[in-house]
Amino acid sequence: VCNTIACTMAKGWVGYLRDEIRKRWAVGEVFELDDIYRLESYFSALYPRNRHVRARLRETLQILRDQGFIEFVNYHGMYRRVAE
């Protein structure tokens, strides 16, 4: 568990969101953007100065897609986990 600012910064949004997705969905399972938005309070606590948490979560999902961890299923907020 990261308890310091340096640890939080090192892991970053991508690392934290990847961990949360791994905890909740197995490879091949589908989830929705609303499922990710339910993590908003968790990320708000990690990054209390960020006033645009939902936008940052969407941006981070795009990064995870580009890294091949998830894929977009459709343009209605559906995603699939495709990697460990």
C-alpha atoms as a PDB file:
ATOM      1  CA  VAL A   1       0.000   0.000   0.000  1.00  0.00           C
ATOM      2  CA  CYS A   2       1.290   3.437  -0.913  1.00  0.00           C
ATOM      3  CA  ASN A   3       1.214   5.755   2.086  1.00  0.00           C
ATOM      4  CA  THR A   4       3.417   8.558   0.821  1.00  0.00           C
ATOM      5  CA  ILE A   5       3.112  11.161  -1.894  1.00  0.00           C
ATOM      6  CA  ALA A   6       6.242   9.788  -3.581  1.00  0.00           C
ATOM      7  CA  CYS A   7       4.782   6.283  -3.685  1.00  0.00           C
ATOM      8  CA  THR A   8       1.467   7.557  -5.058  1.00  0.00           C
ATOM      9  CA  MET A   9       3.234   9.567  -7.741  1.00  0.00           C
ATOM     10  CA  ALA A  10       5.427   6.607  -8.726  1.00  0.00           C
ATOM     11  CA  LYS A  11       2.514   4.219  -9.161  1.00  0.00           C
ATOM     12  CA  GLY A  12       0.330   6.795 -10.830  1.00  0.00           C
ATOM     13  CA  TRP A  13      -3.150   6.699 -12.276  1.00  0.00           C
ATOM     14  CA  VAL A  14      -2.354   3.889 -14.709  1.00  0.00           C
ATOM     15  CA  GLY A  15      -0.948   1.614 -12.022  1.00  0.00           C
ATOM     16  CA  TYR A  16      -3.775   2.212  -9.581  1.00  0.00           C
ATOM     17  CA  LEU A  17      -6.531   1.799 -12.161  1.00  0.00           C
ATOM     18  CA  ARG A  18      -4.893  -1.348 -13.583  1.00  0.00           C
ATOM     19  CA  ASP A  19      -4.781  -2.801 -10.040  1.00  0.00           C
ATOM     20  CA  GLU A  20      -8.428  -1.961  -9.420  1.00  0.00           C
ATOM     21  CA  ILE A  21      -9.503  -3.534 -12.715  1.00  0.00           C
ATOM     22  CA  ARG A  22      -7.467  -6.669 -11.914  1.00  0.00           C
ATOM     23  CA  LYS A  23      -9.214  -6.949  -8.520  1.00  0.00           C
ATOM     24  CA  ARG A  24     -12.696  -6.707 -10.019  1.00  0.00           C
ATOM     25  CA  TRP A  25     -12.660  -8.322 -13.483  1.00  0.00           C
ATOM     26  CA  ALA A  26     -10.973 -11.420 -14.856  1.00  0.00           C
ATOM     27  CA  VAL A  27      -9.444 -11.545 -18.320  1.00  0.00           C
ATOM     28  CA  GLY A  28     -12.301 -11.645 -20.816  1.00  0.00           C
ATOM     29  CA  GLU A  29     -14.862 -10.025 -18.530  1.00  0.00           C
ATOM     30  CA  VAL A  30     -16.716  -6.905 -19.636  1.00  0.00           C
ATOM     31  CA  PHE A  31     -17.262  -3.817 -17.500  1.00  0.00           C
ATOM     32  CA  GLU A  32     -18.817  -0.402 -18.015  1.00  0.00           C
ATOM     33  CA  LEU A  33     -17.619   3.140 -17.615  1.00  0.00           C
ATOM     34  CA  ASP A  34     -20.144   3.510 -14.787  1.00  0.00           C
ATOM     35  CA  ASP A  35     -18.308   0.712 -12.959  1.00  0.00           C
ATOM     36  CA  ILE A  36     -15.110   2.747 -13.219  1.00  0.00           C
ATOM     37  CA  TYR A  37     -16.917   5.900 -12.084  1.00  0.00           C
ATOM     38  CA  ARG A  38     -17.817   4.045  -8.872  1.00  0.00           C
ATOM     39  CA  LEU A  39     -14.093   4.266  -8.059  1.00  0.00           C
ATOM     40  CA  GLU A  40     -14.237   8.069  -8.142  1.00  0.00           C
ATOM     41  CA  SER A  41     -14.111   8.513  -4.368  1.00  0.00           C
ATOM     42  CA  TYR A  42     -11.101   6.163  -4.129  1.00  0.00           C
ATOM     43  CA  PHE A  43      -9.182   8.188  -6.722  1.00  0.00           C
ATOM     44  CA  SER A  44     -10.346  11.465  -5.191  1.00  0.00           C
ATOM     45  CA  ALA A  45      -8.776  10.343  -1.918  1.00  0.00           C
ATOM     46  CA  LEU A  46      -5.531   9.406  -3.697  1.00  0.00           C
ATOM     47  CA  TYR A  47      -5.437  12.688  -5.624  1.00  0.00           C
ATOM     48  CA  PRO A  48      -7.340  15.226  -3.489  1.00  0.00           C
ATOM     49  CA  ARG A  49      -6.219  18.221  -5.575  1.00  0.00           C
ATOM     50  CA  ASN A  50      -7.562  16.766  -8.825  1.00  0.00           C
ATOM     51  CA  ARG A  51     -10.939  18.316  -9.604  1.00  0.00           C
ATOM     52  CA  HIS A  52     -11.492  16.328 -12.813  1.00  0.00           C
ATOM     53  CA  VAL A  53     -11.308  12.740 -11.607  1.00  0.00           C
ATOM     54  CA  ARG A  54     -13.825  11.348 -14.111  1.00  0.00           C
ATOM     55  CA  ALA A  55     -11.989  12.896 -17.052  1.00  0.00           C
ATOM     56  CA  ARG A  56      -8.716  11.514 -15.744  1.00  0.00           C
ATOM     57  CA  LEU A  57     -10.259   8.052 -15.354  1.00  0.00           C
ATOM     58  CA  ARG A  58     -11.415   8.153 -18.993  1.00  0.00           C
ATOM     59  CA  GLU A  59      -7.954   9.269 -20.107  1.00  0.00           C
ATOM     60  CA  THR A  60      -6.371   6.464 -18.093  1.00  0.00           C
ATOM     61  CA  LEU A  61      -8.703   3.915 -19.704  1.00  0.00           C
ATOM     62  CA  GLN A  62      -7.438   5.105 -23.090  1.00  0.00           C
ATOM     63  CA  ILE A  63      -3.843   4.577 -21.934  1.00  0.00           C
ATOM     64  CA  LEU A  64      -4.682   1.082 -20.696  1.00  0.00           C
ATOM     65  CA  ARG A  65      -6.292   0.384 -24.067  1.00  0.00           C
ATOM     66  CA  ASP A  66      -3.183   1.601 -25.895  1.00  0.00           C
ATOM     67  CA  GLN A  67      -1.066  -0.661 -23.670  1.00  0.00           C
ATOM     68  CA  GLY A  68      -3.221  -3.667 -24.606  1.00  0.00           C
ATOM     69  CA  PHE A  69      -4.594  -4.237 -21.105  1.00  0.00           C
ATOM     70  CA  ILE A  70      -8.220  -3.520 -22.022  1.00  0.00           C
ATOM     71  CA  GLU A  71     -10.174  -3.017 -25.222  1.00  0.00           C
ATOM     72  CA  PHE A  72     -13.156  -0.871 -26.037  1.00  0.00           C
ATOM     73  CA  VAL A  73     -16.160  -3.063 -26.757  1.00  0.00           C
ATOM     74  CA  ASN A  74     -18.350  -0.242 -28.056  1.00  0.00           C
ATOM     75  CA  TYR A  75     -18.864   3.493 -27.924  1.00  0.00           C
ATOM     76  CA  HIS A  76     -21.417   3.211 -25.138  1.00  0.00           C
ATOM     77  CA  GLY A  77     -18.904   2.810 -22.331  1.00  0.00           C
ATOM     78  CA  MET A  78     -18.243  -0.922 -22.504  1.00  0.00           C
ATOM     79  CA  TYR A  79     -14.737  -2.336 -21.994  1.00  0.00           C
ATOM     80  CA  ARG A  80     -13.181  -5.798 -21.819  1.00  0.00           C
ATOM     81  CA  ARG A  81     -10.106  -6.823 -19.869  1.00  0.00           C
ATOM     82  CA  VAL A  82      -7.802  -8.636 -22.303  1.00  0.00           C
ATOM     83  CA  ALA A  83      -4.495  -9.048 -20.427  1.00  0.00           C
ATOM     84  CA  GLU A  84      -3.072 -10.050 -17.074  1.00  0.00           C
END
